[in-house]
Amino acid sequence: MLMRWFAEIVGFAPEDAMLAREVPFMHGTATGKPAGKMDIVLARESNGELRWYGLEIQAVYFSGKGMTSEFLAMKTDGQPQPPFPNAVRRPDWRSSSAKRLMPQLQVKVPTVRRWGSKLAVAVDRPFFNSIGGPGASPRHDLDDGDVIWLIPELTPDQAGAYSLRRGHWEVLTLEETNAKLLAAAPVQRSSFESELRKRLRPVE
């Protein structure tokens, strides 16, 4: 679903669209070995001309106990619904957005833009909502930005089975994307120093 939706957005006919996974994008200056990849590249070749768009898929990291116990529980659980989580965890939006996704886009988008293409990012709805959600007037013209945001939706049918469906999408510039991912502002100096005083301890 996601790749067909992406193909439609960039104007590729489904029967003409091709994809490649984990395409090397950077190499180490000292070793020459791959040092960074693009998750997926959607492409179309016609009359010797290659058009392509990159796609980064960003999952959400969790803080707390590791997930191994959850997967072990799911392997042995015979119920139709997933078992209830067996440990306390929380989604770490900040690590997933500003610390993980934003540096990748800051490196990749300028090069992709220079090459005359775009980079897309796919995240789920809770992730997108954590960084501000849809813009007030979402733009759908690919010429209006550098980053195509794709927000698929996991929705149940009448029988209760879940499937991935097309959700929201919009185009943002790299600068707008950075501001969205940062989703934070410095505290006032007085607040910072007040908290600092509470935490200061003698150097041992």
N, C-alpha and C. Protein backbone atom coordinates (compact mmCIF):
# COMPACT_ATOMS: atom_id res chain seq x y z
N MET A 1 0.82 -1.20 0.00
CA MET A 1 0.00 0.00 0.00
C MET A 1 0.86 1.26 0.00
N LEU A 2 1.86 1.29 0.88
CA LEU A 2 2.67 2.50 1.04
C LEU A 2 3.38 2.87 -0.25
N MET A 3 3.98 1.89 -0.92
CA MET A 3 4.74 2.20 -2.12
C MET A 3 3.84 2.59 -3.29
N ARG A 4 2.67 1.99 -3.38
CA ARG A 4 1.73 2.39 -4.44
C ARG A 4 1.22 3.81 -4.20
N TRP A 5 0.97 4.13 -2.95
CA TRP A 5 0.54 5.48 -2.58
C TRP A 5 1.64 6.49 -2.92
N PHE A 6 2.87 6.16 -2.55
CA PHE A 6 4.01 7.01 -2.83
C PHE A 6 4.17 7.21 -4.35
N ALA A 7 4.03 6.12 -5.10
CA ALA A 7 4.14 6.20 -6.56
C ALA A 7 3.08 7.14 -7.14
N GLU A 8 1.89 7.05 -6.62
CA GLU A 8 0.81 7.92 -7.10
C GLU A 8 1.13 9.38 -6.82
N ILE A 9 1.65 9.66 -5.64
CA ILE A 9 1.96 11.05 -5.25
C ILE A 9 3.01 11.66 -6.18
N VAL A 10 4.02 10.88 -6.54
CA VAL A 10 5.10 11.42 -7.37
C VAL A 10 4.83 11.27 -8.86
N GLY A 11 3.66 10.71 -9.21
CA GLY A 11 3.26 10.66 -10.60
C GLY A 11 3.75 9.46 -11.39
N PHE A 12 4.09 8.36 -10.68
CA PHE A 12 4.50 7.14 -11.36
C PHE A 12 3.30 6.21 -11.52
N ALA A 13 3.09 5.68 -12.70
CA ALA A 13 2.07 4.65 -12.89
C ALA A 13 2.52 3.39 -12.15
N PRO A 14 1.61 2.72 -11.46
CA PRO A 14 2.01 1.53 -10.68
C PRO A 14 2.75 0.49 -11.49
N GLU A 15 2.35 0.31 -12.76
CA GLU A 15 3.00 -0.72 -13.57
C GLU A 15 4.42 -0.32 -14.00
N ASP A 16 4.76 0.98 -13.89
CA ASP A 16 6.10 1.44 -14.27
C ASP A 16 7.04 1.58 -13.09
N ALA A 17 6.49 1.58 -11.88
CA ALA A 17 7.30 1.86 -10.70
C ALA A 17 8.13 0.65 -10.29
N MET A 18 9.35 0.91 -9.88
CA MET A 18 10.26 -0.11 -9.35
C MET A 18 10.83 0.40 -8.04
N LEU A 19 11.37 -0.50 -7.23
CA LEU A 19 11.97 -0.06 -5.97
C LEU A 19 13.23 -0.83 -5.68
N ALA A 20 14.08 -0.20 -4.91
CA ALA A 20 15.31 -0.83 -4.43
C ALA A 20 15.43 -0.51 -2.95
N ARG A 21 15.96 -1.45 -2.18
CA ARG A 21 16.09 -1.27 -0.73
C ARG A 21 17.56 -1.12 -0.33
N GLU A 22 17.76 -0.35 0.75
CA GLU A 22 19.08 -0.19 1.35
C GLU A 22 20.14 0.19 0.32
N VAL A 23 19.89 1.27 -0.40
CA VAL A 23 20.81 1.73 -1.44
C VAL A 23 21.91 2.58 -0.80
N PRO A 24 23.19 2.22 -0.97
CA PRO A 24 24.27 3.03 -0.38
C PRO A 24 24.20 4.47 -0.86
N PHE A 25 24.30 5.38 0.11
CA PHE A 25 24.17 6.80 -0.21
C PHE A 25 25.41 7.59 0.20
N MET A 26 26.12 7.11 1.20
CA MET A 26 27.33 7.78 1.67
C MET A 26 28.44 6.74 1.80
N HIS A 27 29.68 7.20 1.79
CA HIS A 27 30.81 6.31 2.04
C HIS A 27 31.81 7.02 2.94
N GLY A 28 32.52 6.24 3.70
CA GLY A 28 33.53 6.81 4.60
C GLY A 28 34.66 7.45 3.81
N THR A 29 35.05 8.64 4.20
CA THR A 29 36.11 9.33 3.47
C THR A 29 37.46 8.65 3.64
N ALA A 30 37.64 7.93 4.73
CA ALA A 30 38.92 7.25 4.96
C ALA A 30 38.92 5.84 4.40
N THR A 31 37.78 5.14 4.49
CA THR A 31 37.73 3.73 4.09
C THR A 31 37.13 3.52 2.70
N GLY A 32 36.28 4.45 2.27
CA GLY A 32 35.58 4.27 1.00
C GLY A 32 34.43 3.28 1.09
N LYS A 33 34.20 2.72 2.28
CA LYS A 33 33.13 1.75 2.46
C LYS A 33 31.81 2.46 2.73
N PRO A 34 30.65 1.79 2.42
CA PRO A 34 29.35 2.41 2.68
C PRO A 34 29.23 2.85 4.13
N ALA A 35 28.74 4.08 4.32
CA ALA A 35 28.60 4.64 5.66
C ALA A 35 27.19 5.15 5.91
N GLY A 36 26.30 4.92 4.98
CA GLY A 36 24.93 5.37 5.13
C GLY A 36 24.12 4.92 3.93
N LYS A 37 22.89 4.50 4.17
CA LYS A 37 22.05 4.01 3.09
C LYS A 37 20.71 4.74 3.08
N MET A 38 20.04 4.68 1.93
CA MET A 38 18.69 5.16 1.82
C MET A 38 17.77 3.94 1.96
N ASP A 39 16.78 4.02 2.83
CA ASP A 39 15.95 2.86 3.13
C ASP A 39 15.35 2.25 1.87
N ILE A 40 14.65 3.06 1.11
CA ILE A 40 14.00 2.61 -0.12
C ILE A 40 14.14 3.70 -1.17
N VAL A 41 14.32 3.30 -2.42
CA VAL A 41 14.29 4.24 -3.53
C VAL A 41 13.22 3.77 -4.51
N LEU A 42 12.28 4.64 -4.79
CA LEU A 42 11.22 4.38 -5.77
C LEU A 42 11.66 5.01 -7.08
N ALA A 43 11.61 4.25 -8.18
CA ALA A 43 12.16 4.75 -9.43
C ALA A 43 11.30 4.36 -10.63
N ARG A 44 11.52 5.11 -11.72
CA ARG A 44 10.92 4.79 -13.01
C ARG A 44 11.93 5.13 -14.09
N GLU A 45 12.15 4.20 -14.99
CA GLU A 45 13.08 4.45 -16.09
C GLU A 45 12.30 4.44 -17.39
N SER A 46 12.47 5.50 -18.19
CA SER A 46 11.75 5.62 -19.46
C SER A 46 12.65 6.29 -20.48
N ASN A 47 12.83 5.64 -21.61
CA ASN A 47 13.67 6.18 -22.69
C ASN A 47 15.07 6.56 -22.19
N GLY A 48 15.61 5.73 -21.34
CA GLY A 48 16.96 5.98 -20.83
C GLY A 48 17.04 7.01 -19.72
N GLU A 49 15.91 7.61 -19.34
CA GLU A 49 15.90 8.62 -18.26
C GLU A 49 15.42 7.97 -16.97
N LEU A 50 16.21 8.12 -15.93
CA LEU A 50 15.89 7.54 -14.62
C LEU A 50 15.38 8.63 -13.69
N ARG A 51 14.16 8.49 -13.22
CA ARG A 51 13.60 9.37 -12.19
C ARG A 51 13.43 8.56 -10.92
N TRP A 52 13.77 9.15 -9.79
CA TRP A 52 13.68 8.41 -8.54
C TRP A 52 13.42 9.34 -7.36
N TYR A 53 12.90 8.75 -6.30
CA TYR A 53 12.62 9.46 -5.04
C TYR A 53 13.00 8.54 -3.89
N GLY A 54 13.67 9.11 -2.89
CA GLY A 54 14.07 8.32 -1.73
C GLY A 54 12.97 8.28 -0.69
N LEU A 55 13.00 7.25 0.13
CA LEU A 55 12.04 7.11 1.23
C LEU A 55 12.74 6.61 2.47
N GLU A 56 12.60 7.34 3.55
CA GLU A 56 13.10 6.92 4.85
C GLU A 56 11.91 6.53 5.73
N ILE A 57 11.98 5.37 6.35
CA ILE A 57 10.91 4.92 7.24
C ILE A 57 11.46 4.97 8.66
N GLN A 58 10.82 5.77 9.50
CA GLN A 58 11.33 5.96 10.85
C GLN A 58 10.39 5.35 11.89
N ALA A 59 10.90 4.37 12.61
CA ALA A 59 10.14 3.78 13.71
C ALA A 59 10.35 4.60 14.97
N VAL A 60 9.61 4.26 16.00
CA VAL A 60 9.72 4.97 17.28
C VAL A 60 10.45 4.09 18.28
N TYR A 61 11.47 4.66 18.91
CA TYR A 61 12.20 3.94 19.94
C TYR A 61 11.41 3.97 21.25
N PHE A 62 11.64 2.97 22.07
CA PHE A 62 10.99 2.92 23.38
C PHE A 62 12.04 3.02 24.48
N SER A 63 11.67 3.70 25.55
CA SER A 63 12.51 3.73 26.74
C SER A 63 11.93 2.75 27.74
N GLY A 64 12.80 2.01 28.38
CA GLY A 64 12.35 1.02 29.35
C GLY A 64 12.97 -0.33 29.06
N LYS A 65 12.36 -1.37 29.62
CA LYS A 65 12.87 -2.73 29.45
C LYS A 65 12.83 -3.12 27.98
N GLY A 66 13.80 -3.95 27.56
CA GLY A 66 13.87 -4.39 26.17
C GLY A 66 12.61 -5.11 25.71
N MET A 67 12.46 -5.24 24.40
CA MET A 67 11.24 -5.79 23.81
C MET A 67 11.28 -7.31 23.63
N THR A 68 12.39 -7.95 23.98
CA THR A 68 12.51 -9.39 23.74
C THR A 68 11.38 -10.17 24.40
N SER A 69 11.02 -9.80 25.62
CA SER A 69 9.97 -10.54 26.33
C SER A 69 8.63 -10.42 25.61
N GLU A 70 8.39 -9.30 24.95
CA GLU A 70 7.13 -9.13 24.23
C GLU A 70 7.05 -10.08 23.03
N PHE A 71 8.14 -10.18 22.30
CA PHE A 71 8.15 -11.06 21.14
C PHE A 71 8.03 -12.53 21.56
N LEU A 72 8.66 -12.89 22.66
CA LEU A 72 8.54 -14.25 23.17
C LEU A 72 7.10 -14.54 23.58
N ALA A 73 6.44 -13.55 24.19
CA ALA A 73 5.05 -13.73 24.60
C ALA A 73 4.14 -13.89 23.39
N MET A 74 4.39 -13.12 22.34
CA MET A 74 3.56 -13.22 21.14
C MET A 74 3.73 -14.55 20.43
N LYS A 75 4.92 -15.14 20.53
CA LYS A 75 5.17 -16.42 19.87
C LYS A 75 4.34 -17.54 20.49
N THR A 76 4.06 -17.44 21.77
CA THR A 76 3.35 -18.50 22.47
C THR A 76 1.88 -18.17 22.74
N ASP A 77 1.48 -16.94 22.49
CA ASP A 77 0.10 -16.52 22.76
C ASP A 77 -0.83 -16.98 21.63
N GLY A 78 -1.93 -17.59 21.99
CA GLY A 78 -2.86 -18.09 20.97
C GLY A 78 -4.10 -17.25 20.80
N GLN A 79 -4.17 -16.12 21.46
CA GLN A 79 -5.35 -15.27 21.39
C GLN A 79 -5.35 -14.43 20.11
N PRO A 80 -6.54 -14.01 19.64
CA PRO A 80 -6.60 -13.20 18.41
C PRO A 80 -6.00 -11.80 18.56
N GLN A 81 -6.01 -11.27 19.78
CA GLN A 81 -5.45 -9.94 20.03
C GLN A 81 -4.06 -10.09 20.65
N PRO A 82 -3.16 -9.14 20.39
CA PRO A 82 -1.82 -9.22 21.00
C PRO A 82 -1.90 -9.20 22.52
N PRO A 83 -0.99 -9.89 23.19
CA PRO A 83 -1.00 -9.88 24.66
C PRO A 83 -0.69 -8.49 25.21
N PHE A 84 -1.18 -8.25 26.40
CA PHE A 84 -0.94 -6.95 27.04
C PHE A 84 0.55 -6.81 27.35
N PRO A 85 1.12 -5.61 27.18
CA PRO A 85 2.55 -5.41 27.47
C PRO A 85 2.91 -5.91 28.87
N ASN A 86 4.08 -6.54 28.99
CA ASN A 86 4.47 -7.13 30.26
C ASN A 86 5.51 -6.31 31.01
N ALA A 87 5.77 -5.10 30.55
CA ALA A 87 6.71 -4.21 31.24
C ALA A 87 6.34 -2.76 30.94
N VAL A 88 6.82 -1.87 31.79
CA VAL A 88 6.52 -0.45 31.61
C VAL A 88 7.52 0.15 30.62
N ARG A 89 7.00 0.72 29.55
CA ARG A 89 7.83 1.39 28.54
C ARG A 89 7.09 2.63 28.08
N ARG A 90 7.82 3.52 27.44
CA ARG A 90 7.17 4.69 26.85
C ARG A 90 7.85 5.00 25.53
N PRO A 91 7.09 5.51 24.57
CA PRO A 91 7.71 5.90 23.30
C PRO A 91 8.65 7.08 23.50
N ASP A 92 9.83 6.99 22.96
CA ASP A 92 10.83 8.07 23.09
C ASP A 92 10.79 8.90 21.82
N TRP A 93 9.84 9.83 21.78
CA TRP A 93 9.65 10.66 20.58
C TRP A 93 10.90 11.46 20.26
N ARG A 94 11.54 11.98 21.29
CA ARG A 94 12.68 12.86 21.05
C ARG A 94 13.85 12.12 20.40
N SER A 95 14.16 10.93 20.91
CA SER A 95 15.26 10.16 20.32
C SER A 95 14.93 9.77 18.88
N SER A 96 13.65 9.52 18.63
CA SER A 96 13.25 9.07 17.30
C SER A 96 13.22 10.20 16.28
N SER A 97 12.96 11.42 16.75
CA SER A 97 12.80 12.54 15.82
C SER A 97 14.06 13.40 15.75
N ALA A 98 14.27 14.23 16.77
CA ALA A 98 15.38 15.19 16.72
C ALA A 98 16.75 14.52 16.75
N LYS A 99 16.87 13.40 17.46
CA LYS A 99 18.19 12.78 17.61
C LYS A 99 18.50 11.76 16.52
N ARG A 100 17.47 11.18 15.91
CA ARG A 100 17.71 10.13 14.93
C ARG A 100 17.36 10.57 13.50
N LEU A 101 16.11 11.00 13.31
CA LEU A 101 15.64 11.31 11.96
C LEU A 101 16.20 12.63 11.44
N MET A 102 16.21 13.65 12.27
CA MET A 102 16.64 14.97 11.79
C MET A 102 18.07 14.99 11.25
N PRO A 103 19.06 14.38 11.94
CA PRO A 103 20.41 14.38 11.37
C PRO A 103 20.49 13.68 10.01
N GLN A 104 19.71 12.60 9.85
CA GLN A 104 19.72 11.92 8.55
C GLN A 104 19.21 12.83 7.44
N LEU A 105 18.13 13.54 7.73
CA LEU A 105 17.55 14.42 6.71
C LEU A 105 18.48 15.60 6.42
N GLN A 106 19.15 16.11 7.44
CA GLN A 106 20.06 17.23 7.24
C GLN A 106 21.22 16.85 6.33
N VAL A 107 21.60 15.58 6.35
CA VAL A 107 22.68 15.11 5.49
C VAL A 107 22.16 14.76 4.10
N LYS A 108 21.05 14.06 4.03
CA LYS A 108 20.58 13.51 2.76
C LYS A 108 19.81 14.50 1.89
N VAL A 109 18.94 15.29 2.50
CA VAL A 109 18.06 16.16 1.70
C VAL A 109 18.83 17.15 0.84
N PRO A 110 19.85 17.86 1.36
CA PRO A 110 20.55 18.80 0.48
C PRO A 110 21.16 18.15 -0.76
N THR A 111 21.71 16.94 -0.61
CA THR A 111 22.28 16.25 -1.76
C THR A 111 21.19 15.82 -2.73
N VAL A 112 20.13 15.22 -2.21
CA VAL A 112 19.02 14.78 -3.06
C VAL A 112 18.41 15.98 -3.78
N ARG A 113 18.28 17.09 -3.07
CA ARG A 113 17.74 18.32 -3.68
C ARG A 113 18.65 18.81 -4.80
N ARG A 114 19.97 18.74 -4.57
CA ARG A 114 20.93 19.16 -5.59
C ARG A 114 20.86 18.27 -6.82
N TRP A 115 20.52 16.99 -6.60
CA TRP A 115 20.39 16.05 -7.71
C TRP A 115 19.04 16.17 -8.42
N GLY A 116 18.19 17.07 -7.94
CA GLY A 116 16.91 17.32 -8.61
C GLY A 116 15.80 16.37 -8.21
N SER A 117 15.86 15.82 -7.01
CA SER A 117 14.82 14.90 -6.58
C SER A 117 14.30 15.31 -5.20
N LYS A 118 13.52 14.44 -4.57
CA LYS A 118 12.94 14.68 -3.25
C LYS A 118 13.17 13.47 -2.38
N LEU A 119 13.06 13.69 -1.08
CA LEU A 119 13.13 12.60 -0.11
C LEU A 119 11.80 12.56 0.63
N ALA A 120 11.26 11.38 0.80
CA ALA A 120 10.02 11.20 1.56
C ALA A 120 10.34 10.56 2.90
N VAL A 121 9.46 10.80 3.86
CA VAL A 121 9.58 10.21 5.19
C VAL A 121 8.24 9.60 5.55
N ALA A 122 8.25 8.36 6.00
CA ALA A 122 7.02 7.70 6.45
C ALA A 122 7.11 7.43 7.94
N VAL A 123 6.13 7.93 8.68
CA VAL A 123 6.03 7.69 10.12
C VAL A 123 4.57 7.40 10.44
N ASP A 124 4.31 6.84 11.61
CA ASP A 124 2.92 6.58 11.97
C ASP A 124 2.27 7.83 12.56
N ARG A 125 0.95 7.76 12.73
CA ARG A 125 0.20 8.93 13.19
C ARG A 125 0.62 9.41 14.58
N PRO A 126 0.80 8.53 15.59
CA PRO A 126 1.25 9.05 16.89
C PRO A 126 2.59 9.77 16.82
N PHE A 127 3.51 9.25 16.03
CA PHE A 127 4.81 9.92 15.85
C PHE A 127 4.58 11.30 15.26
N PHE A 128 3.81 11.37 14.17
CA PHE A 128 3.57 12.65 13.50
C PHE A 128 2.87 13.63 14.44
N ASN A 129 1.91 13.14 15.20
CA ASN A 129 1.21 14.03 16.14
C ASN A 129 2.15 14.55 17.22
N SER A 130 3.15 13.74 17.60
CA SER A 130 4.08 14.17 18.66
C SER A 130 4.96 15.34 18.22
N ILE A 131 5.09 15.55 16.91
CA ILE A 131 5.89 16.66 16.41
C ILE A 131 5.01 17.76 15.79
N GLY A 132 3.74 17.77 16.20
CA GLY A 132 2.87 18.87 15.80
C GLY A 132 1.74 18.52 14.87
N GLY A 133 1.78 17.33 14.26
CA GLY A 133 0.70 16.91 13.38
C GLY A 133 0.66 17.67 12.07
N PRO A 134 -0.47 17.56 11.36
CA PRO A 134 -0.59 18.21 10.05
C PRO A 134 -0.49 19.73 10.15
N GLY A 135 0.02 20.34 9.08
CA GLY A 135 0.06 21.78 9.02
C GLY A 135 -1.33 22.37 8.86
N ALA A 136 -1.45 23.66 9.13
CA ALA A 136 -2.76 24.32 9.03
C ALA A 136 -3.30 24.27 7.61
N SER A 137 -2.41 24.42 6.64
CA SER A 137 -2.79 24.35 5.23
C SER A 137 -1.80 23.43 4.51
N PRO A 138 -2.01 22.13 4.62
CA PRO A 138 -1.04 21.18 4.03
C PRO A 138 -0.84 21.41 2.54
N ARG A 139 0.41 21.40 2.11
CA ARG A 139 0.74 21.60 0.70
C ARG A 139 0.93 20.25 0.01
N HIS A 140 0.39 20.14 -1.20
CA HIS A 140 0.48 18.90 -1.97
C HIS A 140 1.18 19.10 -3.31
N ASP A 141 1.83 20.22 -3.47
CA ASP A 141 2.60 20.49 -4.68
C ASP A 141 4.06 20.12 -4.39
N LEU A 142 4.60 19.15 -5.14
CA LEU A 142 5.96 18.69 -4.87
C LEU A 142 6.99 19.80 -5.05
N ASP A 143 6.66 20.82 -5.81
CA ASP A 143 7.60 21.94 -6.01
C ASP A 143 7.64 22.89 -4.81
N ASP A 144 6.78 22.67 -3.83
CA ASP A 144 6.71 23.57 -2.67
C ASP A 144 7.63 23.18 -1.53
N GLY A 145 8.39 22.10 -1.69
CA GLY A 145 9.25 21.70 -0.58
C GLY A 145 10.26 20.65 -0.98
N ASP A 146 10.94 20.13 0.03
CA ASP A 146 12.02 19.16 -0.16
C ASP A 146 11.68 17.78 0.38
N VAL A 147 10.77 17.73 1.35
CA VAL A 147 10.47 16.49 2.06
C VAL A 147 8.98 16.17 1.93
N ILE A 148 8.68 14.97 1.47
CA ILE A 148 7.30 14.50 1.38
C ILE A 148 7.00 13.67 2.62
N TRP A 149 6.09 14.12 3.45
CA TRP A 149 5.72 13.39 4.65
C TRP A 149 4.54 12.48 4.34
N LEU A 150 4.69 11.17 4.62
CA LEU A 150 3.65 10.18 4.41
C LEU A 150 3.23 9.61 5.76
N ILE A 151 1.93 9.69 6.06
CA ILE A 151 1.43 9.22 7.35
C ILE A 151 0.36 8.16 7.11
N PRO A 152 0.75 6.90 6.91
CA PRO A 152 -0.26 5.85 6.74
C PRO A 152 -1.02 5.61 8.04
N GLU A 153 -2.21 5.05 7.92
CA GLU A 153 -3.05 4.80 9.09
C GLU A 153 -3.30 3.30 9.24
N LEU A 154 -3.17 2.80 10.45
CA LEU A 154 -3.51 1.42 10.75
C LEU A 154 -4.95 1.42 11.28
N THR A 155 -5.88 0.90 10.49
CA THR A 155 -7.29 0.98 10.85
C THR A 155 -7.94 -0.39 10.81
N PRO A 156 -8.94 -0.61 11.71
CA PRO A 156 -9.64 -1.92 11.75
C PRO A 156 -10.80 -1.95 10.76
N ASP A 157 -11.10 -3.14 10.26
CA ASP A 157 -12.31 -3.30 9.45
C ASP A 157 -13.44 -3.78 10.34
N GLN A 158 -14.58 -4.13 9.76
CA GLN A 158 -15.73 -4.53 10.56
C GLN A 158 -15.48 -5.81 11.34
N ALA A 159 -14.58 -6.64 10.84
CA ALA A 159 -14.27 -7.89 11.54
C ALA A 159 -13.21 -7.70 12.62
N GLY A 160 -12.65 -6.49 12.72
CA GLY A 160 -11.64 -6.22 13.73
C GLY A 160 -10.22 -6.46 13.28
N ALA A 161 -10.04 -6.84 12.01
CA ALA A 161 -8.69 -7.03 11.48
C ALA A 161 -8.11 -5.69 11.06
N TYR A 162 -6.82 -5.49 11.33
CA TYR A 162 -6.19 -4.22 11.02
C TYR A 162 -5.47 -4.27 9.67
N SER A 163 -5.51 -3.16 8.97
CA SER A 163 -4.78 -3.04 7.71
C SER A 163 -4.24 -1.62 7.58
N LEU A 164 -3.19 -1.49 6.78
CA LEU A 164 -2.56 -0.20 6.57
C LEU A 164 -3.28 0.52 5.42
N ARG A 165 -3.67 1.75 5.66
CA ARG A 165 -4.41 2.52 4.66
C ARG A 165 -3.74 3.88 4.45
N ARG A 166 -4.08 4.51 3.35
CA ARG A 166 -3.57 5.85 3.07
C ARG A 166 -4.13 6.83 4.09
N GLY A 167 -3.24 7.69 4.58
CA GLY A 167 -3.67 8.68 5.55
C GLY A 167 -3.35 10.08 5.06
N HIS A 168 -2.63 10.82 5.88
CA HIS A 168 -2.29 12.20 5.56
C HIS A 168 -0.95 12.26 4.83
N TRP A 169 -0.80 13.25 3.95
CA TRP A 169 0.51 13.54 3.39
C TRP A 169 0.61 15.02 3.11
N GLU A 170 1.83 15.54 3.17
CA GLU A 170 2.08 16.94 2.85
C GLU A 170 3.55 17.13 2.51
N VAL A 171 3.83 18.26 1.90
CA VAL A 171 5.19 18.60 1.47
C VAL A 171 5.69 19.75 2.33
N LEU A 172 6.90 19.61 2.87
CA LEU A 172 7.52 20.65 3.67
C LEU A 172 8.94 20.91 3.16
N THR A 173 9.43 22.11 3.41
CA THR A 173 10.83 22.39 3.12
C THR A 173 11.69 21.70 4.18
N LEU A 174 12.99 21.62 3.94
CA LEU A 174 13.88 21.05 4.94
C LEU A 174 13.87 21.89 6.21
N GLU A 175 13.81 23.20 6.06
CA GLU A 175 13.81 24.08 7.23
C GLU A 175 12.54 23.87 8.07
N GLU A 176 11.40 23.75 7.41
CA GLU A 176 10.15 23.48 8.13
C GLU A 176 10.19 22.12 8.81
N THR A 177 10.78 21.16 8.12
CA THR A 177 10.90 19.82 8.68
C THR A 177 11.80 19.82 9.92
N ASN A 178 12.92 20.54 9.86
CA ASN A 178 13.81 20.62 11.01
C ASN A 178 13.09 21.23 12.21
N ALA A 179 12.34 22.30 11.97
CA ALA A 179 11.61 22.96 13.05
C ALA A 179 10.57 22.02 13.65
N LYS A 180 9.94 21.24 12.79
CA LYS A 180 8.92 20.29 13.25
C LYS A 180 9.55 19.19 14.10
N LEU A 181 10.67 18.66 13.64
CA LEU A 181 11.33 17.58 14.35
C LEU A 181 11.96 18.04 15.66
N LEU A 182 12.45 19.25 15.67
CA LEU A 182 13.05 19.77 16.90
C LEU A 182 12.01 19.86 18.00
N ALA A 183 10.85 20.42 17.66
CA ALA A 183 9.69 20.44 18.56
C ALA A 183 10.06 20.81 20.00
N ALA A 184 10.96 21.75 20.15
CA ALA A 184 11.38 22.17 21.49
C ALA A 184 11.97 23.58 21.39
N ALA A 185 11.94 24.27 22.50
CA ALA A 185 12.53 25.61 22.58
C ALA A 185 13.28 25.73 23.90
N PRO A 186 14.36 26.51 23.95
CA PRO A 186 15.11 26.65 25.20
C PRO A 186 14.24 27.23 26.31
N VAL A 187 14.49 26.77 27.53
CA VAL A 187 13.79 27.36 28.68
C VAL A 187 14.40 28.73 28.96
N GLN A 188 13.74 29.51 29.78
CA GLN A 188 14.30 30.80 30.18
C GLN A 188 15.52 30.58 31.06
N ARG A 189 16.44 31.53 30.99
CA ARG A 189 17.68 31.38 31.76
C ARG A 189 17.39 31.23 33.25
N SER A 190 16.42 32.00 33.76
CA SER A 190 16.11 31.92 35.19
C SER A 190 15.63 30.52 35.57
N SER A 191 14.84 29.89 34.70
CA SER A 191 14.36 28.53 34.98
C SER A 191 15.52 27.54 34.94
N PHE A 192 16.41 27.71 33.95
CA PHE A 192 17.56 26.83 33.84
C PHE A 192 18.43 26.91 35.08
N GLU A 193 18.73 28.13 35.51
CA GLU A 193 19.64 28.30 36.65
C GLU A 193 18.99 27.90 37.96
N SER A 194 17.68 28.04 38.05
CA SER A 194 16.99 27.57 39.25
C SER A 194 17.10 26.06 39.37
N GLU A 195 16.90 25.36 38.26
CA GLU A 195 17.03 23.91 38.27
C GLU A 195 18.48 23.49 38.48
N LEU A 196 19.40 24.26 37.90
CA LEU A 196 20.82 23.97 38.07
C LEU A 196 21.22 24.02 39.53
N ARG A 197 20.76 25.03 40.25
CA ARG A 197 21.11 25.17 41.68
C ARG A 197 20.65 23.95 42.49
N LYS A 198 19.51 23.37 42.11
CA LYS A 198 19.00 22.21 42.84
C LYS A 198 19.88 20.99 42.61
N ARG A 199 20.54 20.95 41.48
CA ARG A 199 21.30 19.75 41.11
C ARG A 199 22.79 19.84 41.41
N LEU A 200 23.28 21.01 41.74
CA LEU A 200 24.72 21.16 41.97
C LEU A 200 25.19 20.38 43.18
N ARG A 201 26.33 19.70 43.02
CA ARG A 201 26.93 18.92 44.11
C ARG A 201 28.43 19.20 44.10
N PRO A 202 29.09 19.07 45.24
CA PRO A 202 30.54 19.30 45.29
C PRO A 202 31.28 18.34 44.36
N VAL A 203 32.35 18.82 43.75
CA VAL A 203 33.20 17.96 42.94
C VAL A 203 34.02 17.08 43.86
N GLU A 204 34.00 15.77 43.62
CA GLU A 204 34.74 14.86 44.51
C GLU A 204 36.13 14.58 43.97
